[in-house]
Amino acid sequence: MNDLVVRNNTTEMAVVGKQDFVTVMLDGQILGIPVLAVHDVLNAQQITKIPKAQDWVAGVLNLRGRIVTAIDLRRRLGLPPNEEGEKSMSVVVEHNEEPYSLQIDKVGEVLSLEDQLFEKNPVTLDPRWREVSNGIYRLKDQLLPILDVDRLLAFESNNKAA
């Protein structure tokens, strides 16, 4: 990551750099995940169902001897399920020192975007993206919400008894 120091009118110094994001597609929406949060990108995997788990927990998979919880992002975000027979891909991330496989439609390219182009979530952004996004980048013909992995996987705090 290149950092460039910029001096503005008030003689304050700001660091301007670039961030890298893995782009993924989910229900026709492109999303960004910080590259440093991504441990693996996987093609369709055999997933073992977990009885009585939340409906958005697709199950578990074995990744080089490590058990990884698979999260169906479509269900987690209230989106319609994939069409029958459509294969999904996975992006493996870590949350609270546990690996999670985020089931997505497909993986795109890695984009290197300038920090100064990052914006807060607009009020018009779909609430399901706004709930799990840190902000957006405006690409040539669409918005790129940046997923906040911790917020996306903060479901355990929602399920604890009072």
N, C-alpha and C. Protein backbone atom coordinates (compact mmCIF):
# COMPACT_ATOMS: atom_id res chain seq x y z
N MET A 1 0.84 -1.16 0.00
CA MET A 1 0.00 0.00 0.00
C MET A 1 0.90 1.24 0.00
N ASN A 2 0.65 2.08 -0.97
CA ASN A 2 1.44 3.29 -1.08
C ASN A 2 0.81 4.39 -0.26
N ASP A 3 1.62 5.09 0.51
CA ASP A 3 1.12 6.22 1.29
C ASP A 3 1.76 7.48 0.75
N LEU A 4 0.96 8.49 0.58
CA LEU A 4 1.42 9.77 0.09
C LEU A 4 0.97 10.81 1.09
N VAL A 5 1.88 11.64 1.55
CA VAL A 5 1.53 12.67 2.52
C VAL A 5 1.14 13.92 1.75
N VAL A 6 -0.04 14.44 2.06
CA VAL A 6 -0.56 15.62 1.38
C VAL A 6 -0.72 16.73 2.41
N ARG A 7 -0.24 17.93 2.07
CA ARG A 7 -0.38 19.08 2.97
C ARG A 7 -1.51 19.95 2.40
N ASN A 8 -2.52 20.20 3.25
CA ASN A 8 -3.61 21.05 2.78
C ASN A 8 -3.45 22.48 3.30
N ASN A 9 -4.42 23.33 3.03
CA ASN A 9 -4.32 24.76 3.34
C ASN A 9 -3.98 25.05 4.80
N THR A 10 -4.49 24.27 5.72
CA THR A 10 -4.31 24.55 7.14
C THR A 10 -3.03 23.92 7.68
N THR A 11 -2.16 23.53 6.82
CA THR A 11 -0.88 22.90 7.13
C THR A 11 -1.02 21.59 7.90
N GLU A 12 -2.24 21.02 7.92
CA GLU A 12 -2.40 19.70 8.51
C GLU A 12 -1.90 18.68 7.49
N MET A 13 -1.43 17.57 8.01
CA MET A 13 -0.94 16.53 7.13
C MET A 13 -1.97 15.40 7.10
N ALA A 14 -2.26 14.92 5.93
CA ALA A 14 -3.16 13.78 5.78
C ALA A 14 -2.45 12.70 4.99
N VAL A 15 -2.68 11.47 5.36
CA VAL A 15 -2.08 10.35 4.64
C VAL A 15 -3.09 9.84 3.64
N VAL A 16 -2.67 9.80 2.39
CA VAL A 16 -3.53 9.32 1.33
C VAL A 16 -2.91 8.04 0.80
N GLY A 17 -3.70 6.98 0.79
CA GLY A 17 -3.17 5.71 0.33
C GLY A 17 -4.21 4.96 -0.47
N LYS A 18 -3.93 3.72 -0.67
CA LYS A 18 -4.84 2.85 -1.41
C LYS A 18 -5.17 1.64 -0.56
N GLN A 19 -6.36 1.13 -0.76
CA GLN A 19 -6.80 -0.09 -0.11
C GLN A 19 -7.15 -1.09 -1.20
N ASP A 20 -6.89 -2.36 -0.92
CA ASP A 20 -7.21 -3.43 -1.87
C ASP A 20 -8.43 -4.19 -1.38
N PHE A 21 -9.33 -4.50 -2.31
CA PHE A 21 -10.57 -5.20 -1.98
C PHE A 21 -10.80 -6.36 -2.95
N VAL A 22 -11.23 -7.49 -2.41
CA VAL A 22 -11.70 -8.60 -3.22
C VAL A 22 -13.16 -8.29 -3.51
N THR A 23 -13.55 -8.29 -4.78
CA THR A 23 -14.94 -8.03 -5.11
C THR A 23 -15.68 -9.36 -5.22
N VAL A 24 -16.92 -9.35 -4.74
CA VAL A 24 -17.77 -10.53 -4.81
C VAL A 24 -19.14 -10.09 -5.30
N MET A 25 -19.87 -11.02 -5.87
CA MET A 25 -21.24 -10.75 -6.33
C MET A 25 -22.21 -11.51 -5.45
N LEU A 26 -23.29 -10.82 -5.09
CA LEU A 26 -24.34 -11.43 -4.30
C LEU A 26 -25.66 -10.85 -4.78
N ASP A 27 -26.48 -11.67 -5.38
CA ASP A 27 -27.79 -11.25 -5.89
C ASP A 27 -27.68 -10.03 -6.82
N GLY A 28 -26.67 -10.04 -7.68
CA GLY A 28 -26.50 -8.97 -8.65
C GLY A 28 -25.80 -7.72 -8.12
N GLN A 29 -25.48 -7.69 -6.84
CA GLN A 29 -24.79 -6.54 -6.24
C GLN A 29 -23.31 -6.87 -6.07
N ILE A 30 -22.46 -5.97 -6.52
CA ILE A 30 -21.02 -6.13 -6.29
C ILE A 30 -20.71 -5.59 -4.90
N LEU A 31 -19.89 -6.32 -4.15
CA LEU A 31 -19.49 -5.93 -2.80
C LEU A 31 -17.99 -6.05 -2.69
N GLY A 32 -17.39 -5.30 -1.78
CA GLY A 32 -15.95 -5.38 -1.56
C GLY A 32 -15.65 -5.91 -0.17
N ILE A 33 -14.64 -6.77 -0.09
CA ILE A 33 -14.14 -7.26 1.19
C ILE A 33 -12.66 -6.91 1.23
N PRO A 34 -12.19 -6.26 2.31
CA PRO A 34 -10.77 -5.92 2.38
C PRO A 34 -9.90 -7.17 2.18
N VAL A 35 -8.91 -7.06 1.32
CA VAL A 35 -8.03 -8.19 1.00
C VAL A 35 -7.42 -8.80 2.26
N LEU A 36 -7.04 -7.94 3.20
CA LEU A 36 -6.39 -8.45 4.41
C LEU A 36 -7.33 -9.26 5.29
N ALA A 37 -8.65 -9.17 5.06
CA ALA A 37 -9.62 -9.96 5.82
C ALA A 37 -9.87 -11.32 5.19
N VAL A 38 -9.44 -11.51 3.94
CA VAL A 38 -9.72 -12.74 3.20
C VAL A 38 -8.58 -13.74 3.38
N HIS A 39 -8.93 -14.92 3.88
CA HIS A 39 -7.94 -15.98 4.06
C HIS A 39 -7.88 -16.92 2.87
N ASP A 40 -9.03 -17.25 2.30
CA ASP A 40 -9.11 -18.17 1.16
C ASP A 40 -10.30 -17.81 0.29
N VAL A 41 -10.21 -18.19 -0.97
CA VAL A 41 -11.33 -18.13 -1.90
C VAL A 41 -11.51 -19.55 -2.42
N LEU A 42 -12.73 -20.09 -2.29
CA LEU A 42 -12.97 -21.49 -2.62
C LEU A 42 -14.09 -21.62 -3.64
N ASN A 43 -13.96 -22.62 -4.51
CA ASN A 43 -15.07 -23.00 -5.37
C ASN A 43 -16.10 -23.73 -4.51
N ALA A 44 -17.17 -24.21 -5.13
CA ALA A 44 -18.21 -24.92 -4.40
C ALA A 44 -17.59 -26.06 -3.58
N GLN A 45 -18.00 -26.15 -2.34
CA GLN A 45 -17.48 -27.15 -1.41
C GLN A 45 -18.61 -28.03 -0.90
N GLN A 46 -18.24 -29.21 -0.42
CA GLN A 46 -19.22 -30.07 0.23
C GLN A 46 -19.45 -29.51 1.63
N ILE A 47 -20.70 -29.17 1.91
CA ILE A 47 -21.06 -28.58 3.20
C ILE A 47 -21.94 -29.57 3.95
N THR A 48 -21.60 -29.82 5.19
CA THR A 48 -22.38 -30.70 6.05
C THR A 48 -23.35 -29.86 6.86
N LYS A 49 -24.63 -30.19 6.76
CA LYS A 49 -25.67 -29.45 7.47
C LYS A 49 -25.52 -29.64 8.98
N ILE A 50 -25.95 -28.65 9.75
CA ILE A 50 -25.94 -28.71 11.21
C ILE A 50 -27.39 -28.70 11.67
N PRO A 51 -27.84 -29.75 12.33
CA PRO A 51 -29.22 -29.78 12.80
C PRO A 51 -29.51 -28.64 13.78
N LYS A 52 -30.69 -28.05 13.64
CA LYS A 52 -31.20 -27.00 14.53
C LYS A 52 -30.37 -25.72 14.54
N ALA A 53 -29.53 -25.53 13.53
CA ALA A 53 -28.76 -24.28 13.42
C ALA A 53 -29.66 -23.19 12.84
N GLN A 54 -29.25 -21.94 12.99
CA GLN A 54 -29.97 -20.84 12.36
C GLN A 54 -30.12 -21.13 10.87
N ASP A 55 -31.18 -20.63 10.24
CA ASP A 55 -31.41 -20.93 8.83
C ASP A 55 -30.32 -20.38 7.93
N TRP A 56 -29.59 -19.32 8.35
CA TRP A 56 -28.54 -18.74 7.52
C TRP A 56 -27.20 -19.44 7.71
N VAL A 57 -27.13 -20.41 8.62
CA VAL A 57 -25.92 -21.24 8.74
C VAL A 57 -26.09 -22.39 7.76
N ALA A 58 -25.31 -22.37 6.70
CA ALA A 58 -25.41 -23.40 5.67
C ALA A 58 -24.90 -24.74 6.19
N GLY A 59 -23.96 -24.70 7.14
CA GLY A 59 -23.38 -25.92 7.70
C GLY A 59 -21.91 -25.69 8.00
N VAL A 60 -21.13 -26.76 7.91
CA VAL A 60 -19.69 -26.68 8.12
C VAL A 60 -18.98 -27.35 6.96
N LEU A 61 -17.74 -26.93 6.74
CA LEU A 61 -16.91 -27.56 5.74
C LEU A 61 -15.52 -27.78 6.32
N ASN A 62 -14.80 -28.69 5.71
CA ASN A 62 -13.45 -29.01 6.17
C ASN A 62 -12.47 -28.31 5.24
N LEU A 63 -11.67 -27.43 5.81
CA LEU A 63 -10.67 -26.70 5.05
C LEU A 63 -9.29 -27.06 5.60
N ARG A 64 -8.61 -27.97 4.90
CA ARG A 64 -7.28 -28.43 5.31
C ARG A 64 -7.26 -28.87 6.77
N GLY A 65 -8.27 -29.65 7.15
CA GLY A 65 -8.33 -30.20 8.49
C GLY A 65 -8.95 -29.29 9.53
N ARG A 66 -9.36 -28.12 9.13
CA ARG A 66 -9.98 -27.17 10.06
C ARG A 66 -11.47 -27.06 9.74
N ILE A 67 -12.30 -27.14 10.79
CA ILE A 67 -13.74 -27.03 10.60
C ILE A 67 -14.11 -25.55 10.47
N VAL A 68 -14.81 -25.22 9.40
CA VAL A 68 -15.17 -23.84 9.09
C VAL A 68 -16.70 -23.74 8.99
N THR A 69 -17.28 -22.79 9.70
CA THR A 69 -18.72 -22.55 9.64
C THR A 69 -19.05 -21.81 8.35
N ALA A 70 -20.00 -22.37 7.59
CA ALA A 70 -20.42 -21.75 6.32
C ALA A 70 -21.67 -20.92 6.55
N ILE A 71 -21.60 -19.64 6.18
CA ILE A 71 -22.72 -18.71 6.33
C ILE A 71 -23.31 -18.43 4.96
N ASP A 72 -24.61 -18.70 4.81
CA ASP A 72 -25.31 -18.40 3.57
C ASP A 72 -25.66 -16.91 3.60
N LEU A 73 -24.87 -16.10 2.89
CA LEU A 73 -25.08 -14.65 2.93
C LEU A 73 -26.43 -14.23 2.35
N ARG A 74 -26.95 -15.00 1.42
CA ARG A 74 -28.27 -14.66 0.88
C ARG A 74 -29.31 -14.71 2.00
N ARG A 75 -29.30 -15.79 2.75
CA ARG A 75 -30.26 -15.91 3.86
C ARG A 75 -29.95 -14.91 4.97
N ARG A 76 -28.68 -14.72 5.28
CA ARG A 76 -28.27 -13.81 6.36
C ARG A 76 -28.77 -12.40 6.09
N LEU A 77 -28.81 -12.01 4.80
CA LEU A 77 -29.22 -10.66 4.43
C LEU A 77 -30.65 -10.57 3.90
N GLY A 78 -31.39 -11.68 4.00
CA GLY A 78 -32.79 -11.66 3.57
C GLY A 78 -32.99 -11.61 2.08
N LEU A 79 -32.07 -12.18 1.33
CA LEU A 79 -32.17 -12.21 -0.14
C LEU A 79 -32.78 -13.54 -0.59
N PRO A 80 -33.33 -13.58 -1.79
CA PRO A 80 -33.88 -14.86 -2.28
C PRO A 80 -32.77 -15.89 -2.47
N PRO A 81 -33.09 -17.18 -2.30
CA PRO A 81 -32.06 -18.22 -2.45
C PRO A 81 -31.60 -18.34 -3.90
N ASN A 82 -30.42 -18.93 -4.08
CA ASN A 82 -29.93 -19.23 -5.43
C ASN A 82 -30.92 -20.14 -6.13
N GLU A 83 -30.93 -20.07 -7.44
CA GLU A 83 -31.78 -20.99 -8.20
C GLU A 83 -31.25 -22.40 -8.04
N GLU A 84 -32.15 -23.36 -8.09
CA GLU A 84 -31.79 -24.77 -7.92
C GLU A 84 -30.67 -25.16 -8.88
N GLY A 85 -29.64 -25.78 -8.35
CA GLY A 85 -28.53 -26.26 -9.16
C GLY A 85 -27.41 -25.25 -9.35
N GLU A 86 -27.63 -23.98 -8.96
CA GLU A 86 -26.57 -22.97 -9.10
C GLU A 86 -25.52 -23.18 -8.02
N LYS A 87 -24.27 -23.23 -8.42
CA LYS A 87 -23.17 -23.41 -7.48
C LYS A 87 -22.78 -22.06 -6.89
N SER A 88 -22.37 -22.10 -5.63
CA SER A 88 -21.89 -20.87 -5.00
C SER A 88 -20.40 -21.00 -4.75
N MET A 89 -19.78 -19.90 -4.44
CA MET A 89 -18.37 -19.88 -4.08
C MET A 89 -18.28 -19.43 -2.63
N SER A 90 -17.07 -19.48 -2.07
CA SER A 90 -16.88 -19.09 -0.68
C SER A 90 -15.68 -18.17 -0.55
N VAL A 91 -15.81 -17.24 0.37
CA VAL A 91 -14.69 -16.41 0.78
C VAL A 91 -14.52 -16.69 2.27
N VAL A 92 -13.35 -17.17 2.67
CA VAL A 92 -13.10 -17.51 4.07
C VAL A 92 -12.48 -16.31 4.77
N VAL A 93 -13.14 -15.91 5.86
CA VAL A 93 -12.68 -14.79 6.68
C VAL A 93 -12.60 -15.27 8.13
N GLU A 94 -12.08 -14.43 9.00
CA GLU A 94 -11.99 -14.79 10.41
C GLU A 94 -12.72 -13.74 11.25
N HIS A 95 -13.41 -14.23 12.27
CA HIS A 95 -14.13 -13.36 13.20
C HIS A 95 -14.00 -13.98 14.58
N ASN A 96 -13.54 -13.20 15.54
CA ASN A 96 -13.31 -13.70 16.91
C ASN A 96 -12.47 -14.98 16.92
N GLU A 97 -11.44 -14.97 16.10
CA GLU A 97 -10.48 -16.07 15.99
C GLU A 97 -11.08 -17.38 15.49
N GLU A 98 -12.23 -17.30 14.83
CA GLU A 98 -12.88 -18.46 14.23
C GLU A 98 -13.03 -18.23 12.74
N PRO A 99 -12.77 -19.26 11.92
CA PRO A 99 -12.95 -19.09 10.47
C PRO A 99 -14.42 -19.25 10.06
N TYR A 100 -14.83 -18.43 9.11
CA TYR A 100 -16.18 -18.50 8.55
C TYR A 100 -16.07 -18.47 7.04
N SER A 101 -16.87 -19.28 6.39
CA SER A 101 -16.95 -19.31 4.93
C SER A 101 -18.20 -18.55 4.52
N LEU A 102 -18.02 -17.42 3.86
CA LEU A 102 -19.15 -16.62 3.39
C LEU A 102 -19.55 -17.15 2.01
N GLN A 103 -20.73 -17.72 1.92
CA GLN A 103 -21.23 -18.26 0.66
C GLN A 103 -21.73 -17.11 -0.21
N ILE A 104 -21.11 -16.93 -1.36
CA ILE A 104 -21.47 -15.84 -2.26
C ILE A 104 -21.73 -16.43 -3.65
N ASP A 105 -22.25 -15.61 -4.56
CA ASP A 105 -22.54 -16.10 -5.91
C ASP A 105 -21.28 -16.32 -6.72
N LYS A 106 -20.40 -15.33 -6.74
CA LYS A 106 -19.12 -15.49 -7.43
C LYS A 106 -18.13 -14.43 -6.96
N VAL A 107 -16.88 -14.70 -7.23
CA VAL A 107 -15.79 -13.80 -6.87
C VAL A 107 -15.38 -13.04 -8.12
N GLY A 108 -15.12 -11.76 -7.95
CA GLY A 108 -14.68 -10.93 -9.07
C GLY A 108 -13.19 -10.71 -9.02
N GLU A 109 -12.79 -9.48 -9.28
CA GLU A 109 -11.37 -9.14 -9.30
C GLU A 109 -10.97 -8.43 -8.01
N VAL A 110 -9.68 -8.20 -7.89
CA VAL A 110 -9.17 -7.40 -6.77
C VAL A 110 -9.01 -5.97 -7.27
N LEU A 111 -9.63 -5.04 -6.54
CA LEU A 111 -9.53 -3.63 -6.90
C LEU A 111 -8.68 -2.89 -5.89
N SER A 112 -7.84 -2.01 -6.38
CA SER A 112 -7.03 -1.14 -5.53
C SER A 112 -7.63 0.26 -5.66
N LEU A 113 -8.22 0.75 -4.55
CA LEU A 113 -8.96 2.00 -4.60
C LEU A 113 -8.36 3.03 -3.64
N GLU A 114 -8.36 4.28 -4.05
CA GLU A 114 -7.77 5.35 -3.25
C GLU A 114 -8.66 5.69 -2.06
N ASP A 115 -8.03 5.84 -0.90
CA ASP A 115 -8.74 6.15 0.34
C ASP A 115 -9.60 7.40 0.20
N GLN A 116 -9.13 8.40 -0.52
CA GLN A 116 -9.85 9.66 -0.62
C GLN A 116 -11.18 9.52 -1.37
N LEU A 117 -11.38 8.41 -2.08
CA LEU A 117 -12.63 8.19 -2.81
C LEU A 117 -13.68 7.47 -1.96
N PHE A 118 -13.29 7.05 -0.76
CA PHE A 118 -14.19 6.33 0.14
C PHE A 118 -15.21 7.29 0.72
N GLU A 119 -16.48 6.88 0.75
CA GLU A 119 -17.56 7.73 1.26
C GLU A 119 -18.38 6.97 2.30
N LYS A 120 -19.06 7.72 3.16
CA LYS A 120 -20.01 7.11 4.08
C LYS A 120 -21.14 6.50 3.27
N ASN A 121 -21.87 5.57 3.89
CA ASN A 121 -23.03 4.98 3.21
C ASN A 121 -24.06 6.06 2.92
N PRO A 122 -24.52 6.16 1.67
CA PRO A 122 -25.58 7.13 1.38
C PRO A 122 -26.89 6.65 2.00
N VAL A 123 -27.77 7.59 2.34
CA VAL A 123 -29.05 7.22 2.96
C VAL A 123 -29.92 6.41 2.00
N THR A 124 -29.65 6.52 0.71
CA THR A 124 -30.45 5.79 -0.27
C THR A 124 -29.96 4.35 -0.50
N LEU A 125 -28.85 3.97 0.15
CA LEU A 125 -28.34 2.61 0.00
C LEU A 125 -29.31 1.63 0.64
N ASP A 126 -29.57 0.53 -0.05
CA ASP A 126 -30.46 -0.52 0.45
C ASP A 126 -30.09 -0.84 1.91
N PRO A 127 -31.06 -0.84 2.82
CA PRO A 127 -30.78 -1.07 4.24
C PRO A 127 -30.01 -2.36 4.53
N ARG A 128 -30.25 -3.41 3.75
CA ARG A 128 -29.53 -4.67 4.01
C ARG A 128 -28.03 -4.49 3.75
N TRP A 129 -27.63 -3.65 2.79
CA TRP A 129 -26.20 -3.40 2.56
C TRP A 129 -25.67 -2.41 3.58
N ARG A 130 -26.47 -1.41 3.89
CA ARG A 130 -26.05 -0.38 4.85
C ARG A 130 -25.77 -1.00 6.22
N GLU A 131 -26.55 -2.00 6.61
CA GLU A 131 -26.40 -2.66 7.91
C GLU A 131 -25.03 -3.33 8.07
N VAL A 132 -24.45 -3.79 6.97
CA VAL A 132 -23.20 -4.56 7.06
C VAL A 132 -22.04 -3.91 6.32
N SER A 133 -22.19 -2.63 5.98
CA SER A 133 -21.18 -1.93 5.20
C SER A 133 -20.55 -0.79 5.99
N ASN A 134 -19.24 -0.60 5.78
CA ASN A 134 -18.51 0.53 6.37
C ASN A 134 -18.71 1.80 5.59
N GLY A 135 -18.98 1.66 4.30
CA GLY A 135 -19.08 2.80 3.39
C GLY A 135 -19.02 2.27 1.97
N ILE A 136 -18.87 3.19 1.03
CA ILE A 136 -18.91 2.81 -0.38
C ILE A 136 -17.81 3.50 -1.18
N TYR A 137 -17.57 2.94 -2.34
CA TYR A 137 -16.79 3.59 -3.39
C TYR A 137 -17.72 3.69 -4.58
N ARG A 138 -17.66 4.82 -5.28
CA ARG A 138 -18.44 4.98 -6.51
C ARG A 138 -17.57 4.53 -7.67
N LEU A 139 -17.96 3.42 -8.27
CA LEU A 139 -17.26 2.93 -9.45
C LEU A 139 -17.88 3.57 -10.67
N LYS A 140 -17.34 3.26 -11.82
CA LYS A 140 -17.78 3.88 -13.07
C LYS A 140 -19.30 3.79 -13.26
N ASP A 141 -19.88 2.62 -13.04
CA ASP A 141 -21.31 2.47 -13.31
C ASP A 141 -22.10 1.86 -12.16
N GLN A 142 -21.49 1.78 -10.96
CA GLN A 142 -22.22 1.24 -9.81
C GLN A 142 -21.54 1.58 -8.50
N LEU A 143 -22.25 1.34 -7.41
CA LEU A 143 -21.69 1.55 -6.08
C LEU A 143 -21.04 0.26 -5.60
N LEU A 144 -19.96 0.39 -4.86
CA LEU A 144 -19.27 -0.76 -4.27
C LEU A 144 -19.33 -0.63 -2.75
N PRO A 145 -20.36 -1.23 -2.11
CA PRO A 145 -20.37 -1.24 -0.65
C PRO A 145 -19.22 -2.11 -0.14
N ILE A 146 -18.56 -1.65 0.92
CA ILE A 146 -17.45 -2.38 1.52
C ILE A 146 -17.99 -3.09 2.76
N LEU A 147 -17.93 -4.43 2.73
CA LEU A 147 -18.46 -5.22 3.84
C LEU A 147 -17.61 -5.07 5.09
N ASP A 148 -18.27 -4.90 6.21
CA ASP A 148 -17.64 -4.91 7.52
C ASP A 148 -17.83 -6.32 8.05
N VAL A 149 -16.79 -7.13 7.97
CA VAL A 149 -16.89 -8.55 8.33
C VAL A 149 -17.34 -8.72 9.78
N ASP A 150 -16.84 -7.88 10.68
CA ASP A 150 -17.23 -8.00 12.08
C ASP A 150 -18.72 -7.74 12.27
N ARG A 151 -19.25 -6.73 11.60
CA ARG A 151 -20.69 -6.45 11.71
C ARG A 151 -21.51 -7.56 11.07
N LEU A 152 -21.05 -8.05 9.95
CA LEU A 152 -21.75 -9.12 9.24
C LEU A 152 -21.84 -10.38 10.09
N LEU A 153 -20.79 -10.66 10.85
CA LEU A 153 -20.74 -11.89 11.64
C LEU A 153 -21.01 -11.64 13.13
N ALA A 154 -21.57 -10.51 13.48
CA ALA A 154 -21.85 -10.20 14.88
C ALA A 154 -23.19 -10.78 15.32
N PHE A 155 -23.55 -11.92 14.78
CA PHE A 155 -24.83 -12.53 15.09
C PHE A 155 -24.88 -13.14 16.48
N GLU A 156 -23.72 -13.52 17.06
CA GLU A 156 -23.77 -14.15 18.38
C GLU A 156 -24.29 -13.19 19.44
N SER A 157 -24.03 -11.90 19.29
CA SER A 157 -24.54 -10.94 20.28
C SER A 157 -26.05 -10.77 20.16
N ASN A 158 -26.61 -11.06 18.99
CA ASN A 158 -28.06 -10.94 18.79
C ASN A 158 -28.81 -12.13 19.37
N ASN A 159 -28.12 -13.25 19.61
CA ASN A 159 -28.79 -14.47 20.02
C ASN A 159 -28.63 -14.79 21.49
N LYS A 160 -27.93 -13.97 22.24
CA LYS A 160 -27.72 -14.26 23.66
C LYS A 160 -28.98 -13.93 24.45
N ALA A 161 -29.24 -14.76 25.45
CA ALA A 161 -30.39 -14.53 26.32
C ALA A 161 -30.10 -13.36 27.25
N ALA A 162 -31.15 -12.64 27.62
CA ALA A 162 -30.98 -11.48 28.51
C ALA A 162 -30.80 -11.93 29.95
